[in-house]
Amino acid sequence: MKLGKTKHFVLALTVVAFIGLIPASTACTRVVYKGPNNTVLTGRTMDFSLEIPANQWIFPRGMKRSGEVGENSIEWVSKYGSLAVSSWDISTSDGMKFIGL
Protein backbone atom coordinates (compact mmCIF):
# COMPACT_ATOMS: atom_id res chain seq x y z
CA MET A 1 0.00 0.00 0.00
CA LYS A 2 1.46 3.34 -1.04
CA LEU A 3 0.46 6.44 0.92
CA GLY A 4 0.30 9.88 -0.58
CA LYS A 5 2.13 12.91 0.85
CA THR A 6 -0.99 14.14 2.66
CA LYS A 7 -1.55 10.78 4.35
CA HIS A 8 2.13 10.64 5.43
CA PHE A 9 1.76 14.11 6.93
CA VAL A 10 -1.43 13.16 8.80
CA LEU A 11 0.17 9.94 10.07
CA ALA A 12 3.29 11.81 11.28
CA LEU A 13 1.17 14.49 12.94
CA THR A 14 -0.90 11.81 14.71
CA VAL A 15 2.25 10.08 16.03
CA VAL A 16 3.66 13.40 17.30
CA ALA A 17 0.34 14.20 19.02
CA PHE A 18 0.33 10.84 20.83
CA ILE A 19 3.97 11.27 21.89
CA GLY A 20 3.02 14.62 23.41
CA LEU A 21 0.44 12.86 25.60
CA ILE A 22 3.02 10.56 27.21
CA PRO A 23 3.99 11.93 30.65
CA ALA A 24 7.64 12.81 31.25
CA SER A 25 9.67 10.29 33.19
CA THR A 26 11.67 11.38 36.25
CA ALA A 27 13.51 8.18 37.03
CA CYS A 28 16.81 8.05 38.87
CA THR A 29 19.97 7.64 36.81
CA ARG A 30 22.95 5.50 37.76
CA VAL A 31 26.45 5.36 36.26
CA VAL A 32 28.99 2.66 37.17
CA TYR A 33 32.70 2.80 36.34
CA LYS A 34 34.72 -0.41 36.58
CA GLY A 35 38.41 0.43 36.65
CA PRO A 36 41.73 -1.27 37.25
CA ASN A 37 42.50 -3.19 40.45
CA ASN A 38 38.79 -4.02 41.00
CA THR A 39 37.96 -0.33 41.45
CA VAL A 40 34.23 0.34 41.18
CA LEU A 41 32.79 3.87 41.36
CA THR A 42 29.06 4.47 41.32
CA GLY A 43 27.22 7.77 40.92
CA ARG A 44 23.50 8.36 40.78
CA THR A 45 20.86 11.02 40.79
CA MET A 46 17.78 11.00 42.97
CA ASP A 47 15.11 12.57 40.79
CA PHE A 48 11.94 12.71 42.87
CA SER A 49 8.87 14.85 42.40
CA LEU A 50 9.32 16.47 45.81
CA GLU A 51 12.25 17.80 47.80
CA ILE A 52 13.78 15.17 50.06
CA PRO A 53 15.11 16.55 53.35
CA ALA A 54 18.52 15.07 54.03
CA ASN A 55 20.86 15.07 56.99
CA GLN A 56 24.45 13.89 56.73
CA TRP A 57 25.95 11.71 59.45
CA ILE A 58 29.69 11.02 59.77
CA PHE A 59 30.76 7.88 61.64
CA PRO A 60 34.43 7.22 62.54
CA ARG A 61 36.10 3.86 62.05
CA GLY A 62 36.34 1.76 65.19
CA MET A 63 32.82 2.76 66.30
CA LYS A 64 30.75 0.07 68.07
CA ARG A 65 27.62 -0.58 66.01
CA SER A 66 24.40 -2.55 66.43
CA GLY A 67 21.62 -3.68 64.10
CA GLU A 68 19.14 -2.10 66.57
CA VAL A 69 16.30 -4.48 65.74
CA GLY A 70 15.77 -6.01 69.12
CA GLU A 71 17.28 -8.41 71.61
CA ASN A 72 19.19 -10.59 69.10
CA SER A 73 20.64 -7.81 66.93
CA ILE A 74 24.14 -8.33 65.64
CA GLU A 75 26.89 -6.08 66.95
CA TRP A 76 30.23 -5.15 65.38
CA VAL A 77 33.01 -2.58 65.39
CA SER A 78 33.27 -0.64 62.13
CA LYS A 79 36.38 -1.30 60.09
CA TYR A 80 35.97 1.90 58.02
CA GLY A 81 34.70 5.42 58.61
CA SER A 82 31.53 6.32 56.74
CA LEU A 83 29.19 9.09 55.67
CA ALA A 84 25.45 8.36 55.65
CA VAL A 85 22.67 10.54 54.27
CA SER A 86 19.32 10.06 55.99
CA SER A 87 15.94 10.90 54.51
CA TRP A 88 13.34 12.25 56.91
CA ASP A 89 15.64 10.93 59.70
CA ILE A 90 14.09 7.46 59.35
CA SER A 91 16.26 5.73 56.77
CA THR A 92 19.63 5.88 55.06
CA SER A 93 19.16 6.81 51.42
CA ASP A 94 22.82 7.11 50.44
CA GLY A 95 26.31 6.95 51.81
CA MET A 96 29.92 5.93 51.33
CA LYS A 97 32.74 4.39 53.29
CA PHE A 98 36.18 5.91 53.82
CA ILE A 99 38.87 3.29 53.49
CA GLY A 100 41.84 5.53 54.26
CA LEU A 101 40.33 7.55 57.13
C-alpha atoms as a PDB file:
ATOM      1  CA  MET A   1       0.000   0.000   0.000  1.00  0.00           C
ATOM      2  CA  LYS A   2       1.455   3.340  -1.043  1.00  0.00           C
ATOM      3  CA  LEU A   3       0.460   6.439   0.918  1.00  0.00           C
ATOM      4  CA  GLY A   4       0.295   9.883  -0.580  1.00  0.00           C
ATOM      5  CA  LYS A   5       2.134  12.907   0.854  1.00  0.00           C
ATOM      6  CA  THR A   6      -0.988  14.135   2.658  1.00  0.00           C
ATOM      7  CA  LYS A   7      -1.548  10.777   4.355  1.00  0.00           C
ATOM      8  CA  HIS A   8       2.126  10.643   5.428  1.00  0.00           C
ATOM      9  CA  PHE A   9       1.758  14.110   6.932  1.00  0.00           C
ATOM     10  CA  VAL A  10      -1.434  13.161   8.805  1.00  0.00           C
ATOM     11  CA  LEU A  11       0.168   9.945  10.073  1.00  0.00           C
ATOM     12  CA  ALA A  12       3.291  11.805  11.275  1.00  0.00           C
ATOM     13  CA  LEU A  13       1.167  14.488  12.939  1.00  0.00           C
ATOM     14  CA  THR A  14      -0.899  11.814  14.709  1.00  0.00           C
ATOM     15  CA  VAL A  15       2.253  10.081  16.028  1.00  0.00           C
ATOM     16  CA  VAL A  16       3.658  13.400  17.302  1.00  0.00           C
ATOM     17  CA  ALA A  17       0.342  14.196  19.022  1.00  0.00           C
ATOM     18  CA  PHE A  18       0.333  10.843  20.833  1.00  0.00           C
ATOM     19  CA  ILE A  19       3.974  11.274  21.892  1.00  0.00           C
ATOM     20  CA  GLY A  20       3.017  14.624  23.407  1.00  0.00           C
ATOM     21  CA  LEU A  21       0.440  12.859  25.602  1.00  0.00           C
ATOM     22  CA  ILE A  22       3.025  10.560  27.212  1.00  0.00           C
ATOM     23  CA  PRO A  23       3.990  11.933  30.654  1.00  0.00           C
ATOM     24  CA  ALA A  24       7.635  12.815  31.255  1.00  0.00           C
ATOM     25  CA  SER A  25       9.674  10.293  33.191  1.00  0.00           C
ATOM     26  CA  THR A  26      11.667  11.376  36.253  1.00  0.00           C
ATOM     27  CA  ALA A  27      13.514   8.177  37.032  1.00  0.00           C
ATOM     28  CA  CYS A  28      16.810   8.055  38.870  1.00  0.00           C
ATOM     29  CA  THR A  29      19.966   7.645  36.812  1.00  0.00           C
ATOM     30  CA  ARG A  30      22.947   5.496  37.761  1.00  0.00           C
ATOM     31  CA  VAL A  31      26.445   5.359  36.263  1.00  0.00           C
ATOM     32  CA  VAL A  32      28.986   2.658  37.167  1.00  0.00           C
ATOM     33  CA  TYR A  33      32.704   2.804  36.338  1.00  0.00           C
ATOM     34  CA  LYS A  34      34.723  -0.412  36.583  1.00  0.00           C
ATOM     35  CA  GLY A  35      38.408   0.430  36.649  1.00  0.00           C
ATOM     36  CA  PRO A  36      41.730  -1.270  37.252  1.00  0.00           C
ATOM     37  CA  ASN A  37      42.501  -3.194  40.455  1.00  0.00           C
ATOM     38  CA  ASN A  38      38.792  -4.021  41.002  1.00  0.00           C
ATOM     39  CA  THR A  39      37.959  -0.325  41.452  1.00  0.00           C
ATOM     40  CA  VAL A  40      34.229   0.339  41.180  1.00  0.00           C
ATOM     41  CA  LEU A  41      32.792   3.868  41.357  1.00  0.00           C
ATOM     42  CA  THR A  42      29.056   4.470  41.318  1.00  0.00           C
ATOM     43  CA  GLY A  43      27.224   7.771  40.923  1.00  0.00           C
ATOM     44  CA  ARG A  44      23.501   8.362  40.783  1.00  0.00           C
ATOM     45  CA  THR A  45      20.862  11.024  40.791  1.00  0.00           C
ATOM     46  CA  MET A  46      17.785  11.004  42.967  1.00  0.00           C
ATOM     47  CA  ASP A  47      15.107  12.568  40.794  1.00  0.00           C
ATOM     48  CA  PHE A  48      11.944  12.709  42.869  1.00  0.00           C
ATOM     49  CA  SER A  49       8.870  14.853  42.401  1.00  0.00           C
ATOM     50  CA  LEU A  50       9.325  16.468  45.808  1.00  0.00           C
ATOM     51  CA  GLU A  51      12.249  17.804  47.802  1.00  0.00           C
ATOM     52  CA  ILE A  52      13.782  15.172  50.060  1.00  0.00           C
ATOM     53  CA  PRO A  53      15.107  16.548  53.352  1.00  0.00           C
ATOM     54  CA  ALA A  54      18.516  15.071  54.031  1.00  0.00           C
ATOM     55  CA  ASN A  55      20.859  15.066  56.991  1.00  0.00           C
ATOM     56  CA  GLN A  56      24.447  13.889  56.733  1.00  0.00           C
ATOM     57  CA  TRP A  57      25.952  11.712  59.449  1.00  0.00           C
ATOM     58  CA  ILE A  58      29.687  11.016  59.770  1.00  0.00           C
ATOM     59  CA  PHE A  59      30.755   7.884  61.645  1.00  0.00           C
ATOM     60  CA  PRO A  60      34.429   7.223  62.539  1.00  0.00           C
ATOM     61  CA  ARG A  61      36.101   3.865  62.053  1.00  0.00           C
ATOM     62  CA  GLY A  62      36.338   1.762  65.193  1.00  0.00           C
ATOM     63  CA  MET A  63      32.819   2.756  66.298  1.00  0.00           C
ATOM     64  CA  LYS A  64      30.751   0.072  68.074  1.00  0.00           C
ATOM     65  CA  ARG A  65      27.616  -0.577  66.012  1.00  0.00           C
ATOM     66  CA  SER A  66      24.399  -2.548  66.432  1.00  0.00           C
ATOM     67  CA  GLY A  67      21.618  -3.681  64.098  1.00  0.00           C
ATOM     68  CA  GLU A  68      19.144  -2.098  66.569  1.00  0.00           C
ATOM     69  CA  VAL A  69      16.299  -4.484  65.735  1.00  0.00           C
ATOM     70  CA  GLY A  70      15.770  -6.015  69.125  1.00  0.00           C
ATOM     71  CA  GLU A  71      17.277  -8.412  71.608  1.00  0.00           C
ATOM     72  CA  ASN A  72      19.189 -10.588  69.105  1.00  0.00           C
ATOM     73  CA  SER A  73      20.640  -7.808  66.929  1.00  0.00           C
ATOM     74  CA  ILE A  74      24.142  -8.332  65.637  1.00  0.00           C
ATOM     75  CA  GLU A  75      26.892  -6.079  66.952  1.00  0.00           C
ATOM     76  CA  TRP A  76      30.232  -5.149  65.378  1.00  0.00           C
ATOM     77  CA  VAL A  77      33.009  -2.576  65.386  1.00  0.00           C
ATOM     78  CA  SER A  78      33.269  -0.638  62.131  1.00  0.00           C
ATOM     79  CA  LYS A  79      36.381  -1.297  60.093  1.00  0.00           C
ATOM     80  CA  TYR A  80      35.965   1.904  58.021  1.00  0.00           C
ATOM     81  CA  GLY A  81      34.698   5.422  58.614  1.00  0.00           C
ATOM     82  CA  SER A  82      31.525   6.323  56.736  1.00  0.00           C
ATOM     83  CA  LEU A  83      29.190   9.088  55.671  1.00  0.00           C
ATOM     84  CA  ALA A  84      25.454   8.361  55.655  1.00  0.00           C
ATOM     85  CA  VAL A  85      22.673  10.536  54.266  1.00  0.00           C
ATOM     86  CA  SER A  86      19.324  10.060  55.987  1.00  0.00           C
ATOM     87  CA  SER A  87      15.941  10.902  54.507  1.00  0.00           C
ATOM     88  CA  TRP A  88      13.342  12.255  56.911  1.00  0.00           C
ATOM     89  CA  ASP A  89      15.637  10.934  59.696  1.00  0.00           C
ATOM     90  CA  ILE A  90      14.090   7.465  59.346  1.00  0.00           C
ATOM     91  CA  SER A  91      16.263   5.734  56.772  1.00  0.00           C
ATOM     92  CA  THR A  92      19.628   5.881  55.060  1.00  0.00           C
ATOM     93  CA  SER A  93      19.163   6.813  51.424  1.00  0.00           C
ATOM     94  CA  ASP A  94      22.817   7.110  50.442  1.00  0.00           C
ATOM     95  CA  GLY A  95      26.306   6.945  51.808  1.00  0.00           C
ATOM     96  CA  MET A  96      29.917   5.933  51.331  1.00  0.00           C
ATOM     97  CA  LYS A  97      32.738   4.390  53.290  1.00  0.00           C
ATOM     98  CA  PHE A  98      36.185   5.914  53.824  1.00  0.00           C
ATOM     99  CA  ILE A  99      38.870   3.291  53.494  1.00  0.00           C
ATOM    100  CA  GLY A 100      41.838   5.533  54.259  1.00  0.00           C
ATOM    101  CA  LEU A 101      40.334   7.545  57.126  1.00  0.00           C
END
